[in-house]
Amino acid sequence: MPRFFIDVDADHRMTRDEDGADFLNLEAAQKEALAAMEEILRVRLSDGSPHAATSSIRDEAGELVFMANLSLTINED
């Protein structure tokens, strides 16, 4: 099984995956990365300020193979 490294930048706080994890394929790693971003924004949603998260996936060679950005802005009138 291939090993992928999922790095997350949430509100300009970078967490670099130094260990990686084995996934069936890149699609499985992508689902994990997106779920992590959703959870981060869900937890931070309570304060009502804008939030952003970026998740990137590197393969075993260190090559970037996926990147996703998610932002949330709440406008209350």
C-alpha atoms as a PDB file:
ATOM      1  CA  MET A   1       0.000   0.000   0.000  1.00  0.00           C
ATOM      2  CA  PRO A   2       1.287   3.466  -0.790  1.00  0.00           C
ATOM      3  CA  ARG A   3       2.253   5.850   2.008  1.00  0.00           C
ATOM      4  CA  PHE A   4       1.020   9.423   1.904  1.00  0.00           C
ATOM      5  CA  PHE A   5       1.753  12.407   4.118  1.00  0.00           C
ATOM      6  CA  ILE A   6      -1.114  14.802   4.855  1.00  0.00           C
ATOM      7  CA  ASP A   7      -0.100  18.321   5.842  1.00  0.00           C
ATOM      8  CA  VAL A   8      -2.706  20.761   7.157  1.00  0.00           C
ATOM      9  CA  ASP A   9      -2.538  24.538   7.421  1.00  0.00           C
ATOM     10  CA  ALA A  10      -5.442  25.847   9.491  1.00  0.00           C
ATOM     11  CA  ASP A  11      -5.639  29.604   9.944  1.00  0.00           C
ATOM     12  CA  HIS A  12      -1.916  29.921   9.178  1.00  0.00           C
ATOM     13  CA  ARG A  13      -0.882  27.206  11.651  1.00  0.00           C
ATOM     14  CA  MET A  14       0.917  24.489   9.719  1.00  0.00           C
ATOM     15  CA  THR A  15       0.967  20.882  10.857  1.00  0.00           C
ATOM     16  CA  ARG A  16       3.397  18.804   8.816  1.00  0.00           C
ATOM     17  CA  ASP A  17       2.873  15.046   8.736  1.00  0.00           C
ATOM     18  CA  GLU A  18       6.291  13.551   9.448  1.00  0.00           C
ATOM     19  CA  ASP A  19       5.146   9.920   9.749  1.00  0.00           C
ATOM     20  CA  GLY A  20       2.626   9.457   6.971  1.00  0.00           C
ATOM     21  CA  ALA A  21       0.070   6.695   6.736  1.00  0.00           C
ATOM     22  CA  ASP A  22      -0.629   3.811   4.400  1.00  0.00           C
ATOM     23  CA  PHE A  23      -3.709   4.240   2.216  1.00  0.00           C
ATOM     24  CA  LEU A  24      -5.258   1.964  -0.356  1.00  0.00           C
ATOM     25  CA  ASN A  25      -4.761   4.692  -2.974  1.00  0.00           C
ATOM     26  CA  LEU A  26      -4.580   8.467  -3.429  1.00  0.00           C
ATOM     27  CA  GLU A  27      -8.369   8.769  -3.425  1.00  0.00           C
ATOM     28  CA  ALA A  28      -8.529   7.269   0.079  1.00  0.00           C
ATOM     29  CA  ALA A  29      -5.876   9.734   1.267  1.00  0.00           C
ATOM     30  CA  GLN A  30      -7.827  12.608  -0.310  1.00  0.00           C
ATOM     31  CA  LYS A  31     -10.982  11.618   1.576  1.00  0.00           C
ATOM     32  CA  GLU A  32      -9.026  11.597   4.845  1.00  0.00           C
ATOM     33  CA  ALA A  33      -7.512  15.018   4.112  1.00  0.00           C
ATOM     34  CA  LEU A  34     -10.897  16.557   3.293  1.00  0.00           C
ATOM     35  CA  ALA A  35     -12.508  15.061   6.401  1.00  0.00           C
ATOM     36  CA  ALA A  36      -9.741  16.563   8.548  1.00  0.00           C
ATOM     37  CA  MET A  37     -10.330  20.004   7.032  1.00  0.00           C
ATOM     38  CA  GLU A  38     -14.067  19.759   7.648  1.00  0.00           C
ATOM     39  CA  GLU A  39     -13.510  18.849  11.290  1.00  0.00           C
ATOM     40  CA  ILE A  40     -11.045  21.694  11.854  1.00  0.00           C
ATOM     41  CA  LEU A  41     -13.489  24.258  10.480  1.00  0.00           C
ATOM     42  CA  ARG A  42     -16.416  22.733  12.391  1.00  0.00           C
ATOM     43  CA  VAL A  43     -14.539  23.099  15.680  1.00  0.00           C
ATOM     44  CA  ARG A  44     -13.574  26.707  14.938  1.00  0.00           C
ATOM     45  CA  LEU A  45     -16.990  27.716  13.606  1.00  0.00           C
ATOM     46  CA  SER A  46     -18.265  28.753  17.030  1.00  0.00           C
ATOM     47  CA  ASP A  47     -16.420  32.088  17.174  1.00  0.00           C
ATOM     48  CA  GLY A  48     -17.961  33.458  13.954  1.00  0.00           C
ATOM     49  CA  SER A  49     -14.711  34.783  12.453  1.00  0.00           C
ATOM     50  CA  PRO A  50     -13.398  33.832   8.991  1.00  0.00           C
ATOM     51  CA  HIS A  51     -11.431  30.616   8.813  1.00  0.00           C
ATOM     52  CA  ALA A  52      -9.413  28.841   6.155  1.00  0.00           C
ATOM     53  CA  ALA A  53      -7.766  25.462   5.876  1.00  0.00           C
ATOM     54  CA  THR A  54      -5.452  23.991   3.284  1.00  0.00           C
ATOM     55  CA  SER A  55      -4.626  20.336   3.083  1.00  0.00           C
ATOM     56  CA  SER A  56      -1.848  18.963   0.933  1.00  0.00           C
ATOM     57  CA  ILE A  57      -0.756  15.408   0.309  1.00  0.00           C
ATOM     58  CA  ARG A  58       2.775  14.313  -0.460  1.00  0.00           C
ATOM     59  CA  ASP A  59       3.760  10.895  -1.738  1.00  0.00           C
ATOM     60  CA  GLU A  60       6.689   8.821  -0.457  1.00  0.00           C
ATOM     61  CA  ALA A  61       9.066  10.723  -2.747  1.00  0.00           C
ATOM     62  CA  GLY A  62       7.955  14.017  -1.171  1.00  0.00           C
ATOM     63  CA  GLU A  63       6.127  15.151  -4.310  1.00  0.00           C
ATOM     64  CA  LEU A  64       2.931  17.166  -3.885  1.00  0.00           C
ATOM     65  CA  VAL A  65       0.103  15.065  -5.344  1.00  0.00           C
ATOM     66  CA  PHE A  66      -2.990  16.867  -4.006  1.00  0.00           C
ATOM     67  CA  MET A  67      -3.980  20.198  -2.520  1.00  0.00           C
ATOM     68  CA  ALA A  68      -7.349  21.508  -1.395  1.00  0.00           C
ATOM     69  CA  ASN A  69      -8.388  24.829   0.114  1.00  0.00           C
ATOM     70  CA  LEU A  70     -11.503  25.411   2.176  1.00  0.00           C
ATOM     71  CA  SER A  71     -12.608  28.756   3.560  1.00  0.00           C
ATOM     72  CA  LEU A  72     -15.539  29.816   5.666  1.00  0.00           C
ATOM     73  CA  THR A  73     -16.870  33.316   6.170  1.00  0.00           C
ATOM     74  CA  ILE A  74     -20.050  33.977   8.098  1.00  0.00           C
ATOM     75  CA  ASN A  75     -22.034  37.098   7.257  1.00  0.00           C
ATOM     76  CA  GLU A  76     -24.880  37.942   9.580  1.00  0.00           C
ATOM     77  CA  ASP A  77     -27.151  40.846   8.753  1.00  0.00           C
END
